[in-house]
Amino acid sequence: MTAAWKAAGLTYNRYIAVASRVVRRSLKEDKRIAAERRGESELRFAKWQNGKQGEVKNLDAANAANATEAAASS
């Protein structure tokens, strides 16, 4: 039996990001603000192909772009 997030076509990291955002948004105002600050990240990544590094991208921007594409395709 596969996990629900995998059956839905999500990666584990994307599933965790969505679940974390839902939990943060469900908190009361004072705790929500503090939790949202902790949830911000400044991570960057690059896709490697054939031994060469591709363009370095901001993780948050890439996730937002993927979410927009997913919403547009459904």
N, C-alpha and C. Protein backbone atom coordinates (compact mmCIF):
# COMPACT_ATOMS: atom_id res chain seq x y z
N MET A 1 0.85 -1.17 0.00
CA MET A 1 0.00 0.00 0.00
C MET A 1 0.90 1.25 0.00
N THR A 2 0.65 2.15 -0.91
CA THR A 2 1.45 3.37 -0.98
C THR A 2 0.86 4.45 -0.07
N ALA A 3 1.72 5.36 0.32
CA ALA A 3 1.27 6.47 1.17
C ALA A 3 0.35 7.38 0.36
N ALA A 4 -0.55 8.05 1.05
CA ALA A 4 -1.52 8.93 0.38
C ALA A 4 -0.82 10.07 -0.37
N TRP A 5 0.25 10.62 0.21
CA TRP A 5 0.94 11.72 -0.46
C TRP A 5 1.60 11.25 -1.75
N LYS A 6 2.08 10.01 -1.75
CA LYS A 6 2.72 9.47 -2.94
C LYS A 6 1.67 9.17 -4.01
N ALA A 7 0.53 8.64 -3.60
CA ALA A 7 -0.55 8.35 -4.54
C ALA A 7 -1.10 9.64 -5.15
N ALA A 8 -1.01 10.74 -4.41
CA ALA A 8 -1.49 12.04 -4.92
C ALA A 8 -0.47 12.70 -5.83
N GLY A 9 0.71 12.10 -5.97
CA GLY A 9 1.72 12.64 -6.87
C GLY A 9 2.62 13.69 -6.23
N LEU A 10 2.68 13.73 -4.91
CA LEU A 10 3.52 14.69 -4.20
C LEU A 10 4.82 14.03 -3.77
N THR A 11 5.86 14.84 -3.67
CA THR A 11 7.08 14.35 -3.05
C THR A 11 6.90 14.46 -1.54
N TYR A 12 7.72 13.75 -0.79
CA TYR A 12 7.60 13.80 0.67
C TYR A 12 7.87 15.21 1.19
N ASN A 13 8.86 15.89 0.62
CA ASN A 13 9.17 17.25 1.07
C ASN A 13 8.00 18.19 0.82
N ARG A 14 7.36 18.08 -0.33
CA ARG A 14 6.21 18.93 -0.64
C ARG A 14 5.05 18.62 0.30
N TYR A 15 4.83 17.34 0.58
CA TYR A 15 3.77 16.93 1.51
C TYR A 15 4.00 17.55 2.89
N ILE A 16 5.23 17.49 3.37
CA ILE A 16 5.56 18.06 4.68
C ILE A 16 5.37 19.57 4.67
N ALA A 17 5.74 20.24 3.59
CA ALA A 17 5.57 21.69 3.48
C ALA A 17 4.09 22.07 3.55
N VAL A 18 3.27 21.33 2.84
CA VAL A 18 1.82 21.61 2.85
C VAL A 18 1.24 21.36 4.23
N ALA A 19 1.60 20.23 4.83
CA ALA A 19 1.08 19.90 6.16
C ALA A 19 1.52 20.94 7.20
N SER A 20 2.76 21.39 7.12
CA SER A 20 3.27 22.39 8.06
C SER A 20 2.52 23.71 7.91
N ARG A 21 2.27 24.11 6.66
CA ARG A 21 1.55 25.35 6.41
C ARG A 21 0.12 25.29 6.98
N VAL A 22 -0.53 24.13 6.82
CA VAL A 22 -1.89 23.96 7.35
C VAL A 22 -1.90 24.07 8.86
N VAL A 23 -0.93 23.43 9.51
CA VAL A 23 -0.85 23.48 10.98
C VAL A 23 -0.59 24.91 11.44
N ARG A 24 0.34 25.61 10.79
CA ARG A 24 0.64 26.99 11.19
C ARG A 24 -0.58 27.89 11.05
N ARG A 25 -1.33 27.73 9.99
CA ARG A 25 -2.50 28.57 9.76
C ARG A 25 -3.64 28.28 10.73
N SER A 26 -3.64 27.11 11.36
CA SER A 26 -4.71 26.75 12.28
C SER A 26 -4.45 27.27 13.70
N LEU A 27 -3.27 27.80 13.97
CA LEU A 27 -2.94 28.29 15.31
C LEU A 27 -3.60 29.64 15.58
N LYS A 28 -3.71 29.97 16.87
CA LYS A 28 -4.21 31.29 17.25
C LYS A 28 -3.21 32.34 16.81
N GLU A 29 -3.68 33.59 16.71
CA GLU A 29 -2.92 34.67 16.10
C GLU A 29 -1.50 34.84 16.63
N ASP A 30 -1.33 34.92 17.95
CA ASP A 30 0.00 35.18 18.51
C ASP A 30 0.97 34.04 18.23
N LYS A 31 0.53 32.81 18.38
CA LYS A 31 1.39 31.66 18.12
C LYS A 31 1.59 31.44 16.63
N ARG A 32 0.59 31.78 15.82
CA ARG A 32 0.69 31.62 14.37
C ARG A 32 1.79 32.50 13.78
N ILE A 33 1.86 33.75 14.24
CA ILE A 33 2.88 34.67 13.73
C ILE A 33 4.27 34.16 14.04
N ALA A 34 4.47 33.69 15.28
CA ALA A 34 5.79 33.16 15.67
C ALA A 34 6.12 31.90 14.86
N ALA A 35 5.14 31.03 14.64
CA ALA A 35 5.38 29.79 13.89
C ALA A 35 5.67 30.07 12.42
N GLU A 36 4.99 31.07 11.85
CA GLU A 36 5.23 31.41 10.44
C GLU A 36 6.64 31.95 10.25
N ARG A 37 7.14 32.70 11.21
CA ARG A 37 8.52 33.20 11.12
C ARG A 37 9.51 32.05 11.13
N ARG A 38 9.25 31.05 11.97
CA ARG A 38 10.14 29.88 12.03
C ARG A 38 10.07 29.06 10.75
N GLY A 39 8.94 29.12 10.05
CA GLY A 39 8.75 28.34 8.84
C GLY A 39 9.41 28.93 7.61
N GLU A 40 9.86 30.16 7.68
CA GLU A 40 10.52 30.79 6.54
C GLU A 40 11.91 30.18 6.35
N SER A 41 12.29 30.03 5.11
CA SER A 41 13.61 29.45 4.84
C SER A 41 14.31 30.22 3.73
N GLU A 42 15.60 30.15 3.75
CA GLU A 42 16.42 30.79 2.73
C GLU A 42 17.25 29.71 2.03
N LEU A 43 16.59 28.65 1.65
CA LEU A 43 17.29 27.55 1.01
C LEU A 43 17.35 27.74 -0.50
N ARG A 44 18.47 27.32 -1.06
CA ARG A 44 18.63 27.37 -2.51
C ARG A 44 19.05 25.98 -2.98
N PHE A 45 18.74 25.66 -4.21
CA PHE A 45 19.11 24.37 -4.76
C PHE A 45 19.48 24.52 -6.23
N ALA A 46 20.14 23.50 -6.74
CA ALA A 46 20.50 23.46 -8.15
C ALA A 46 20.35 22.02 -8.63
N LYS A 47 19.77 21.86 -9.79
CA LYS A 47 19.62 20.53 -10.38
C LYS A 47 20.88 20.22 -11.19
N TRP A 48 21.41 19.02 -10.98
CA TRP A 48 22.61 18.60 -11.69
C TRP A 48 22.22 17.62 -12.78
N GLN A 49 22.78 17.83 -13.98
CA GLN A 49 22.56 16.90 -15.09
C GLN A 49 23.88 16.70 -15.82
N ASN A 50 24.20 15.45 -16.10
CA ASN A 50 25.43 15.10 -16.81
C ASN A 50 26.67 15.70 -16.15
N GLY A 51 26.70 15.73 -14.83
CA GLY A 51 27.86 16.22 -14.11
C GLY A 51 28.02 17.73 -14.08
N LYS A 52 27.00 18.46 -14.53
CA LYS A 52 27.08 19.92 -14.54
C LYS A 52 25.94 20.52 -13.72
N GLN A 53 26.30 21.55 -12.95
CA GLN A 53 25.32 22.21 -12.11
C GLN A 53 24.44 23.13 -12.94
N GLY A 54 23.13 23.04 -12.70
CA GLY A 54 22.20 23.92 -13.38
C GLY A 54 22.04 25.23 -12.64
N GLU A 55 21.02 25.96 -12.98
CA GLU A 55 20.75 27.26 -12.37
C GLU A 55 20.41 27.11 -10.89
N VAL A 56 20.96 27.97 -10.05
CA VAL A 56 20.67 27.97 -8.62
C VAL A 56 19.37 28.74 -8.42
N LYS A 57 18.41 28.10 -7.70
CA LYS A 57 17.09 28.69 -7.50
C LYS A 57 16.77 28.77 -6.01
N ASN A 58 15.94 29.72 -5.64
CA ASN A 58 15.43 29.84 -4.29
C ASN A 58 14.34 28.79 -4.10
N LEU A 59 14.39 28.03 -3.02
CA LEU A 59 13.44 26.95 -2.78
C LEU A 59 12.02 27.47 -2.63
N ASP A 60 11.83 28.55 -1.89
CA ASP A 60 10.47 29.08 -1.69
C ASP A 60 9.87 29.55 -3.01
N ALA A 61 10.66 30.21 -3.83
CA ALA A 61 10.17 30.68 -5.13
C ALA A 61 9.82 29.51 -6.04
N ALA A 62 10.64 28.47 -6.02
CA ALA A 62 10.38 27.29 -6.84
C ALA A 62 9.11 26.57 -6.38
N ASN A 63 8.91 26.46 -5.07
CA ASN A 63 7.70 25.84 -4.54
C ASN A 63 6.46 26.64 -4.92
N ALA A 64 6.55 27.95 -4.85
CA ALA A 64 5.42 28.79 -5.22
C ALA A 64 5.10 28.65 -6.70
N ALA A 65 6.12 28.58 -7.52
CA ALA A 65 5.90 28.40 -8.97
C ALA A 65 5.27 27.05 -9.26
N ASN A 66 5.71 26.00 -8.57
CA ASN A 66 5.14 24.68 -8.77
C ASN A 66 3.68 24.63 -8.31
N ALA A 67 3.37 25.31 -7.21
CA ALA A 67 1.99 25.34 -6.73
C ALA A 67 1.09 26.07 -7.72
N THR A 68 1.59 27.15 -8.30
CA THR A 68 0.83 27.90 -9.29
C THR A 68 0.58 27.04 -10.53
N GLU A 69 1.61 26.33 -11.00
CA GLU A 69 1.46 25.46 -12.16
C GLU A 69 0.47 24.34 -11.87
N ALA A 70 0.52 23.75 -10.67
CA ALA A 70 -0.38 22.67 -10.31
C ALA A 70 -1.82 23.16 -10.25
N ALA A 71 -2.03 24.35 -9.71
CA ALA A 71 -3.37 24.92 -9.63
C ALA A 71 -3.92 25.23 -11.02
N ALA A 72 -3.06 25.69 -11.90
CA ALA A 72 -3.49 26.05 -13.26
C ALA A 72 -3.83 24.80 -14.06
N SER A 73 -3.12 23.70 -13.82
CA SER A 73 -3.37 22.48 -14.60
C SER A 73 -4.58 21.70 -14.12
N SER A 74 -5.05 21.97 -12.91
CA SER A 74 -6.21 21.22 -12.41
C SER A 74 -7.51 21.94 -12.56
